[in-house]
Structure formats: structure tokens, C-alpha cells
Amino acid sequence: MRDLWIDLGAISQNLETMRAKVSGAKVMVVVKANAYGHGMLPVATHLDDAVDFFGVADIDEALELRAAGIESPILAWLHDPNETFEAAVDADIDLGIATVEQLNRVAEAAKTCRQKARVHLKVDTGLGRNGASLADWPQLVTSARAYAELGLIDTVAVFSHLSSTSEQDDLEQIQRFDHAVSEAKDLGLEFYLRHLTASDGSLNYPQAHYDMVRLGVAIYGLSPFSDHGSAEYGLVPAMTATSVVVQTKRVAAGHGVSYGYLHRTSAETTLALVPVGYAEGLPRDASIWAEVAVNGKRYRISSRIAMDQFVIDVGDDEVKPGDQVVLFGPNAEVGPSVDELARAGDTINYEVVTRMGGRFKRRYLNQKAKD
């Protein structure tokens, strides 16, 4: 009675749409955080023969992909301070490296595994998160070159991440990245790839596509910009969230509805109960503001969104238990968009789809036939 419908065909279409926009650069599809809520293994399995790289946050995600038979290169960049890196090196996982201390442990893992480690050196060009500072960058580069000469690592790439604060800030970061790349080359480091932009930067700054782009939210059919919809970029949202009405009842005028009585009925009316709540990831802050659709008609959520359920006031409309409820999806004629739910909950579409879980069941459309 709670379903997330994931259209893998739409995901493939979005990949091709974005490929056409990135100047021939290689594409890394980011499947971290369970593929932004869409299901990491089904998405990666579906795209394994169509991507240049997969991107994940941590090594556990990367190892899960390898265990599922994913053969494409995989980059993981956020590491436990106590990570030994041996399992990652043994599984041929590319590693995003931000400090000399991390690099030293990767080199030790390469010795233990008797296998060259693949690394992407990350420089902080202004985001202020992961990555070597510009002051520490020469030392990281010099150490990487030394380990490469010893045959312990293969430096695959140099990369960074934009802040998307403003065009001026982003352009300054692009300039710093160019300088960091030049500095690495001047210090004798050999590498194959440069990558900087995620979905937003890939759409805004064609001059920064370099050799590879990292695409996350756009692959799932969502715009990375709150003031521009996905359709403007030819993207198709891949997730539809549905449930069912589980109970209806007639109540009198003045009847309070759920915790805190955010809504009181203005006349005799029908209340319909929907079994989805914040345990499934529905933003509690969207209470009263968000809309859902039943039988093609929209209704405002008329109650506090509780852990397991919410209530809609359907007036005198003929709504009955078992009727489908569309929480969000790609078709405005059927129900609200994920962007509408995000605005109602004072958040972003990234967060809405990523947090969808709990008792939802993911169901996949347009899966490729198995050989």
C-alpha cells in the first residue's frame, strides 16, 4: 500500500540527454545514498554497460556494487579515518584522496595487496569540504608522484567540487582548479582525467566539463536548480510515489483533524486516511501545505503529517478505501511533482527523493531483460 515506482527507462533517457550536453566528456553516474533513493543496485545494474564511471560516497557502497557484479570503474571519496583501504584496492575501487595521511595508507594497502591503487587527488577550490587546501596541494601532489614512481599508485584524476553559491564564486573556483591542475603537471604528476562539475555545474559551465562530469540528480530526472524545472533541460523524473486510501469517514462541521488540529472541518465532510508519514520520508514540515492527488483531483494534506499517516479532507467527493493516492510523480495531469512537495516542505528535490524509504516498496519499470 506504499510504492515507489522507479522508471529505469527514464533514467537511461536522462543519461543520454545529459551526454548530449557535456561536450563529449566522460560521464560518472553518481549512485551514492541508494541512488538518491532510487535503489543503487537496480540503477547501477541497469546502467553498467552505459556509463564510464559510477560514483559513491564511501567504500562500503563501492564494495556492495562490486559484490553485485558491477564491472564499471567506481570512485569512492569519503573515508573513515581508520580505513585501511585494503578491501577497496583488492576490489579495484578508485579512491578519492584528500590528504597525505590517506595517501600513505593507500600505498600501504597497495603493498599488502600487491596491486597498484587507483587514486583521484581532490583539491579544495573553495567549497570548504573534502579536499586538500591550496596550501597543502603541492605536498599531496609530490607524495602521489613519489608513490607512482614506486609503482604503488596510479593517479587517475585530479578533481574538485563547485559550491554553486553564485556565478562569480563558481568562476573563481574554475580558475583555481585550472591553477591546481597546472601546478600538478609542473610538479611532474601524470594523470588521465580532470573532473569538477556535478549536475548543476555541468549545465551551467560548458567550459568546465574537462574530461569527465559527475551527474547525480539530473540522471534521476530532476533539476538541480530550484528556479528551473526538469522539463527545461529535457529531463524526466524517474520516481513516482503512491499509496492508497485506507479509511474514509463522514464527520460534522468543526471536527478537528489529527495532532494539533491544524485543520478543522468547515462543513460536514469526508476525511480520507493515507498510510504514509515521516517514517517513509514525507517531510513533516509539508503538513497543511503539500498536495496529493486522488482520482486525478488534488487535495491539500489536511493534517499534521504523523509517523505513519496523514489525512485529507475530500469534501463530498466520492473517495473510497483502495483508491490510489499519488504523492508525487512526473505527470502534472496525474499528481504533484517532487518539486512541489519540496517547496511545501521548505526543502529541495534532492532531499525528498533521497529520504523516501521506510515501508515504501520500490518497484521497477522498464528493466532490461536478463541474458
Protein backbone atom coordinates (compact mmCIF):
# COMPACT_ATOMS: atom_id res chain seq x y z
CA MET A 1 0.00 0.00 0.00
CA ARG A 2 3.09 2.22 -0.24
CA ASP A 3 5.01 2.10 -3.51
CA LEU A 4 7.87 3.91 -5.19
CA TRP A 5 7.72 3.36 -8.93
CA ILE A 6 11.17 3.78 -10.48
CA ASP A 7 11.26 4.14 -14.25
CA LEU A 8 14.66 2.83 -15.33
CA GLY A 9 13.84 3.75 -18.91
CA ALA A 10 13.56 7.39 -17.85
CA ILE A 11 16.94 7.12 -16.13
CA SER A 12 18.51 5.81 -19.35
CA GLN A 13 16.86 8.62 -21.29
CA ASN A 14 18.17 11.22 -18.84
CA LEU A 15 21.68 9.82 -19.20
CA GLU A 16 21.56 10.22 -22.96
CA THR A 17 20.04 13.70 -22.64
CA MET A 18 22.89 14.80 -20.39
CA ARG A 19 25.55 13.13 -22.53
CA ALA A 20 24.45 15.36 -25.38
CA LYS A 21 25.05 18.43 -23.21
CA VAL A 22 28.56 17.73 -21.85
CA SER A 23 30.84 18.35 -24.81
CA GLY A 24 31.87 14.73 -25.29
CA ALA A 25 33.19 14.38 -21.73
CA LYS A 26 33.05 11.04 -19.99
CA VAL A 27 30.13 10.61 -17.58
CA MET A 28 30.27 9.43 -13.99
CA VAL A 29 26.80 8.49 -12.75
CA VAL A 30 26.54 9.11 -9.01
CA VAL A 31 24.64 6.34 -7.21
CA LYS A 32 25.51 7.23 -3.62
CA ALA A 33 22.81 7.22 -0.93
CA ASN A 34 20.95 4.35 -2.60
CA ALA A 35 21.00 6.19 -5.93
CA TYR A 36 19.31 9.24 -4.40
CA GLY A 37 16.59 6.95 -3.10
CA HIS A 38 16.01 5.20 -6.42
CA GLY A 39 17.82 1.96 -5.50
CA MET A 40 21.58 1.72 -6.01
CA LEU A 41 21.82 -1.86 -7.23
CA PRO A 42 18.93 -1.83 -9.72
CA VAL A 43 20.06 1.53 -11.15
CA ALA A 44 23.72 0.52 -11.40
CA THR A 45 22.87 -2.86 -12.90
CA HIS A 46 20.67 -1.17 -15.48
CA LEU A 47 23.39 1.34 -16.45
CA ASP A 48 26.54 -0.77 -16.07
CA ASP A 49 27.20 -1.01 -19.80
CA ALA A 50 26.26 2.63 -20.49
CA VAL A 51 28.47 4.66 -18.13
CA ASP A 52 32.16 5.48 -17.87
CA PHE A 53 32.23 5.55 -14.05
CA PHE A 54 29.98 5.16 -11.06
CA GLY A 55 30.40 7.50 -8.10
CA VAL A 56 29.62 6.70 -4.46
CA ALA A 57 30.41 8.42 -1.19
CA ASP A 58 32.11 5.61 0.69
CA ILE A 59 33.88 2.32 0.20
CA ASP A 60 31.07 0.19 1.64
CA GLU A 61 28.79 1.40 -1.16
CA ALA A 62 31.50 0.63 -3.72
CA LEU A 63 32.06 -2.88 -2.37
CA GLU A 64 28.32 -3.52 -2.46
CA LEU A 65 28.34 -2.63 -6.15
CA ARG A 66 31.28 -4.94 -6.83
CA ALA A 67 29.59 -7.79 -4.91
CA ALA A 68 26.54 -7.33 -7.14
CA GLY A 69 28.69 -7.83 -10.23
CA ILE A 70 29.12 -4.20 -11.32
CA GLU A 71 32.18 -4.04 -13.57
CA SER A 72 32.43 -0.32 -14.40
CA PRO A 73 35.06 1.81 -12.63
CA ILE A 74 33.78 3.06 -9.27
CA LEU A 75 35.03 6.11 -7.37
CA ALA A 76 34.57 6.46 -3.57
CA TRP A 77 35.73 9.68 -1.92
CA LEU A 78 34.56 9.92 1.72
CA HIS A 79 36.61 7.73 4.04
CA ASP A 80 36.57 6.51 7.63
CA PRO A 81 39.61 7.90 9.50
CA ASN A 82 40.53 4.29 10.35
CA GLU A 83 40.05 2.92 6.83
CA THR A 84 42.89 0.61 5.76
CA PHE A 85 41.86 0.66 2.07
CA GLU A 86 42.89 -2.96 1.51
CA ALA A 87 39.42 -4.20 0.57
CA ALA A 88 38.99 -1.26 -1.80
CA VAL A 89 42.34 -1.80 -3.52
CA ASP A 90 41.68 -5.52 -3.83
CA ALA A 91 38.28 -4.79 -5.44
CA ASP A 92 39.82 -2.28 -7.87
CA ILE A 93 37.91 0.68 -6.40
CA ASP A 94 39.11 4.15 -7.39
CA LEU A 95 39.77 6.25 -4.30
CA GLY A 96 39.28 9.99 -3.87
CA ILE A 97 42.23 11.15 -1.77
CA ALA A 98 42.42 14.49 0.05
CA THR A 99 45.35 14.17 2.46
CA VAL A 100 48.89 12.80 2.53
CA GLU A 101 47.90 10.64 5.51
CA GLN A 102 45.17 8.96 3.45
CA LEU A 103 47.58 8.52 0.57
CA ASN A 104 50.15 6.86 2.84
CA ARG A 105 47.59 4.29 3.95
CA VAL A 106 46.52 3.66 0.36
CA ALA A 107 50.15 2.99 -0.54
CA GLU A 108 50.46 0.53 2.35
CA ALA A 109 47.29 -1.21 1.14
CA ALA A 110 48.78 -1.46 -2.34
CA LYS A 111 51.88 -3.14 -0.89
CA THR A 112 49.77 -5.60 1.07
CA CYS A 113 47.53 -6.41 -1.89
CA ARG A 114 50.42 -6.41 -4.35
CA GLN A 115 48.22 -4.36 -6.60
CA LYS A 116 48.52 -0.80 -7.79
CA ALA A 117 45.93 1.50 -6.19
CA ARG A 118 43.90 3.86 -8.39
CA VAL A 119 43.56 7.34 -6.90
CA HIS A 120 41.87 10.63 -7.76
CA LEU A 121 43.50 13.55 -5.94
CA LYS A 122 40.98 16.08 -4.65
CA VAL A 123 41.77 19.76 -4.21
CA ASP A 124 39.51 22.15 -2.32
CA THR A 125 38.98 25.07 -4.69
CA GLY A 126 36.55 26.88 -2.40
CA LEU A 127 33.73 24.60 -1.26
CA GLY A 128 35.41 24.15 2.11
CA ARG A 129 34.58 20.47 2.46
CA ASN A 130 36.62 17.47 1.36
CA GLY A 131 39.89 18.05 -0.47
CA ALA A 132 43.41 19.32 0.09
CA SER A 133 43.71 23.03 0.72
CA LEU A 134 45.54 25.01 -1.94
CA ALA A 135 48.41 25.36 0.53
CA ASP A 136 48.61 21.59 1.10
CA TRP A 137 48.06 20.66 -2.55
CA PRO A 138 51.75 20.67 -3.63
CA GLN A 139 52.67 18.24 -0.84
CA LEU A 140 49.83 15.87 -1.77
CA VAL A 141 50.84 16.00 -5.44
CA THR A 142 54.51 15.43 -4.67
CA SER A 143 53.70 12.44 -2.46
CA ALA A 144 51.45 10.96 -5.13
CA ARG A 145 54.16 11.33 -7.76
CA ALA A 146 56.65 9.56 -5.48
CA TYR A 147 54.29 6.64 -4.86
CA ALA A 148 53.54 6.44 -8.58
CA GLU A 149 57.26 6.19 -9.31
CA LEU A 150 57.43 3.31 -6.82
CA GLY A 151 54.66 1.55 -8.70
CA LEU A 152 52.21 1.67 -5.78
CA ILE A 153 49.57 4.00 -7.17
CA ASP A 154 48.13 5.06 -10.46
CA THR A 155 46.94 8.66 -10.35
CA VAL A 156 43.80 8.51 -12.46
CA ALA A 157 42.48 12.03 -11.94
CA VAL A 158 42.56 15.42 -10.31
CA PHE A 159 39.16 16.68 -9.18
CA SER A 160 37.22 19.21 -7.11
CA HIS A 161 33.62 20.34 -6.47
CA LEU A 162 31.84 23.65 -7.02
CA SER A 163 29.88 25.40 -4.27
CA SER A 164 27.11 26.68 -6.58
CA THR A 165 26.91 29.79 -4.42
CA SER A 166 26.97 32.28 -7.28
CA GLU A 167 28.30 32.52 -10.81
CA GLN A 168 31.19 34.65 -9.59
CA ASP A 169 32.13 32.13 -6.89
CA ASP A 170 31.92 29.24 -9.34
CA LEU A 171 34.04 31.01 -11.95
CA GLU A 172 36.67 31.73 -9.31
CA GLN A 173 36.66 28.04 -8.37
CA ILE A 174 37.09 27.03 -12.01
CA GLN A 175 40.09 29.35 -12.21
CA ARG A 176 41.58 27.84 -9.03
CA PHE A 177 41.02 24.35 -10.39
CA ASP A 178 42.85 25.23 -13.60
CA HIS A 179 45.72 26.55 -11.49
CA ALA A 180 45.79 23.38 -9.35
CA VAL A 181 45.86 21.21 -12.48
CA SER A 182 48.74 23.24 -13.92
CA GLU A 183 50.61 23.06 -10.63
CA ALA A 184 50.21 19.27 -10.53
CA LYS A 185 51.60 18.99 -14.05
CA ASP A 186 54.50 21.32 -13.21
CA LEU A 187 55.33 19.06 -10.25
CA GLY A 188 55.61 16.09 -12.59
CA LEU A 189 52.34 14.32 -11.78
CA GLU A 190 50.87 12.22 -14.56
CA PHE A 191 47.09 11.70 -14.62
CA TYR A 192 44.40 10.97 -17.19
CA LEU A 193 41.26 12.81 -16.15
CA ARG A 194 40.07 16.13 -14.73
CA HIS A 195 36.58 16.38 -13.26
CA LEU A 196 34.91 19.28 -11.49
CA THR A 197 31.22 19.68 -12.25
CA ALA A 198 28.16 17.90 -10.89
CA SER A 199 24.71 18.23 -12.49
CA ASP A 200 24.38 21.96 -11.82
CA GLY A 201 27.84 22.93 -12.98
CA SER A 202 27.59 20.65 -16.00
CA LEU A 203 24.51 22.53 -17.15
CA ASN A 204 25.87 26.00 -16.37
CA TYR A 205 29.55 25.88 -17.31
CA PRO A 206 30.43 24.05 -20.52
CA GLN A 207 33.98 25.36 -20.22
CA ALA A 208 34.37 23.25 -17.08
CA HIS A 209 33.33 19.87 -18.47
CA TYR A 210 37.02 18.92 -18.83
CA ASP A 211 37.48 15.16 -19.32
CA MET A 212 34.59 13.91 -17.16
CA VAL A 213 31.48 15.20 -15.42
CA ARG A 214 29.76 13.76 -12.36
CA LEU A 215 25.99 13.52 -12.79
CA GLY A 216 23.67 12.83 -9.89
CA VAL A 217 20.26 14.42 -9.57
CA ALA A 218 19.91 15.08 -13.31
CA ILE A 219 20.21 11.36 -14.03
CA TYR A 220 17.10 10.83 -11.90
CA GLY A 221 15.25 13.44 -13.95
CA LEU A 222 15.36 16.34 -11.52
CA SER A 223 16.61 19.86 -12.00
CA PRO A 224 19.49 20.92 -9.74
CA PHE A 225 18.04 24.43 -9.69
CA SER A 226 15.03 25.47 -7.62
CA ASP A 227 14.08 28.16 -10.16
CA HIS A 228 14.23 25.91 -13.25
CA GLY A 229 12.19 22.76 -13.80
CA SER A 230 13.45 19.46 -15.16
CA ALA A 231 11.47 19.82 -18.39
CA GLU A 232 13.56 22.86 -19.32
CA TYR A 233 16.53 20.51 -19.69
CA GLY A 234 14.64 17.64 -21.30
CA LEU A 235 14.79 15.55 -18.12
CA VAL A 236 12.08 13.12 -17.00
CA PRO A 237 11.61 12.45 -13.25
CA ALA A 238 12.09 8.75 -12.64
CA MET A 239 10.31 8.33 -9.29
CA THR A 240 6.58 8.23 -8.60
CA ALA A 241 5.36 7.79 -5.02
CA THR A 242 1.92 6.27 -4.48
CA SER A 243 -0.22 4.91 -1.69
CA VAL A 244 -3.90 4.13 -1.15
CA VAL A 245 -6.77 5.41 0.93
CA VAL A 246 -7.21 3.00 3.85
CA GLN A 247 -10.26 4.55 5.55
CA THR A 248 -12.90 7.21 4.94
CA LYS A 249 -15.50 8.64 7.29
CA ARG A 250 -18.08 11.41 7.40
CA VAL A 251 -17.63 13.96 10.14
CA ALA A 252 -19.51 17.04 11.22
CA ALA A 253 -18.51 20.66 10.80
CA GLY A 254 -15.93 21.80 13.33
CA HIS A 255 -14.26 18.40 13.64
CA GLY A 256 -10.55 18.61 14.48
CA VAL A 257 -8.11 16.62 12.35
CA SER A 258 -5.06 14.86 13.83
CA TYR A 259 -2.37 16.26 16.15
CA GLY A 260 -2.70 19.91 16.99
CA TYR A 261 -5.89 20.37 14.94
CA LEU A 262 -4.08 22.18 12.14
CA HIS A 263 -7.36 21.77 10.27
CA ARG A 264 -10.96 21.86 11.48
CA THR A 265 -13.72 20.96 9.06
CA SER A 266 -15.81 23.90 7.86
CA ALA A 267 -18.85 21.76 6.99
CA GLU A 268 -19.94 18.14 7.07
CA THR A 269 -17.31 16.37 5.01
CA THR A 270 -15.43 13.16 4.30
CA LEU A 271 -11.97 12.57 5.72
CA ALA A 272 -9.65 10.09 3.98
CA LEU A 273 -6.72 8.42 5.72
CA VAL A 274 -3.46 7.72 3.85
CA PRO A 275 -0.83 5.39 5.43
CA VAL A 276 2.34 7.39 4.67
CA GLY A 277 4.22 9.52 7.16
CA TYR A 278 7.59 10.86 8.10
CA ALA A 279 8.76 7.28 8.71
CA GLU A 280 8.57 6.94 4.91
CA GLY A 281 10.41 10.22 4.42
CA LEU A 282 7.45 12.53 3.87
CA PRO A 283 8.60 15.93 5.19
CA ARG A 284 6.70 16.81 8.37
CA ASP A 285 7.15 20.49 7.51
CA ALA A 286 4.93 19.90 4.46
CA SER A 287 1.91 19.44 6.73
CA ILE A 288 -1.05 21.55 5.50
CA TRP A 289 0.98 22.90 2.56
CA ALA A 290 1.53 19.81 0.43
CA GLU A 291 -0.99 18.38 -2.00
CA VAL A 292 -1.66 14.82 -3.17
CA ALA A 293 -3.93 13.51 -5.92
CA VAL A 294 -6.80 11.02 -5.72
CA ASN A 295 -8.70 10.03 -8.85
CA GLY A 296 -6.98 12.82 -10.76
CA LYS A 297 -8.01 15.56 -8.32
CA ARG A 298 -5.67 17.32 -5.94
CA TYR A 299 -6.31 17.68 -2.23
CA ARG A 300 -4.30 19.54 0.36
CA ILE A 301 -2.92 17.44 3.22
CA SER A 302 -5.36 18.47 5.95
CA SER A 303 -3.47 17.25 8.97
CA ARG A 304 -0.14 17.13 10.67
CA ILE A 305 1.97 14.54 8.84
CA ALA A 306 2.44 11.88 11.50
CA MET A 307 4.88 9.00 11.67
CA ASP A 308 2.65 6.62 9.72
CA GLN A 309 -0.22 8.57 8.19
CA PHE A 310 -1.90 11.78 7.15
CA VAL A 311 -5.47 12.89 6.46
CA ILE A 312 -7.04 14.69 3.50
CA ASP A 313 -10.41 16.44 3.53
CA VAL A 314 -12.20 15.39 0.31
CA GLY A 315 -15.50 17.18 0.94
CA ASP A 316 -18.38 15.41 -0.78
CA ASP A 317 -16.24 13.77 -3.46
CA GLU A 318 -16.59 10.06 -3.98
CA VAL A 319 -13.38 8.74 -2.47
CA LYS A 320 -13.24 5.24 -1.03
CA PRO A 321 -10.73 2.83 0.56
CA GLY A 322 -8.46 1.35 -2.06
CA ASP A 323 -8.33 4.47 -4.25
CA GLN A 324 -4.79 5.28 -5.35
CA VAL A 325 -3.09 8.35 -3.88
CA VAL A 326 -0.28 9.99 -5.88
CA LEU A 327 2.12 11.82 -3.60
CA PHE A 328 4.35 12.98 -6.46
CA GLY A 329 5.39 11.96 -9.92
CA PRO A 330 6.45 13.17 -13.37
CA ASN A 331 3.00 13.88 -14.79
CA ALA A 332 1.27 17.07 -13.63
CA GLU A 333 -2.03 15.77 -15.01
CA VAL A 334 -1.88 12.88 -12.55
CA GLY A 335 -0.41 14.45 -9.43
CA PRO A 336 2.01 16.95 -7.90
CA SER A 337 5.70 16.99 -8.79
CA VAL A 338 8.50 16.27 -6.37
CA ASP A 339 9.47 19.94 -6.70
CA GLU A 340 6.04 20.95 -5.39
CA LEU A 341 6.45 18.67 -2.39
CA ALA A 342 9.93 20.06 -1.79
CA ARG A 343 8.62 23.63 -1.79
CA ALA A 344 5.80 22.66 0.57
CA GLY A 345 8.34 21.14 2.96
CA ASP A 346 10.81 24.04 2.62
CA THR A 347 13.48 21.74 1.22
CA ILE A 348 14.92 20.61 -2.14
CA ASN A 349 14.02 17.82 -4.51
CA TYR A 350 17.35 16.06 -3.77
CA GLU A 351 16.31 15.59 -0.15
CA VAL A 352 12.77 14.44 -0.91
CA VAL A 353 13.71 11.57 -3.22
CA THR A 354 16.76 10.54 -1.20
CA ARG A 355 14.84 10.25 2.06
CA MET A 356 11.98 8.19 0.58
CA GLY A 357 12.13 4.83 2.30
CA GLY A 358 10.63 3.34 5.43
CA ARG A 359 7.87 0.94 4.43
CA PHE A 360 7.77 2.01 0.80
CA LYS A 361 8.40 -0.82 -1.67
CA ARG A 362 10.42 0.04 -4.75
CA ARG A 363 9.01 -1.33 -7.97
CA TYR A 364 10.96 -1.06 -11.21
CA LEU A 365 9.66 -0.26 -14.66
CA ASN A 366 11.45 -0.85 -17.97
CA GLN A 367 14.15 -3.11 -16.57
CA LYS A 368 16.44 -4.61 -19.15
CA ALA A 369 15.81 -8.29 -19.86
CA LYS A 370 18.44 -10.56 -18.32
CA ASP A 371 20.68 -12.51 -20.70
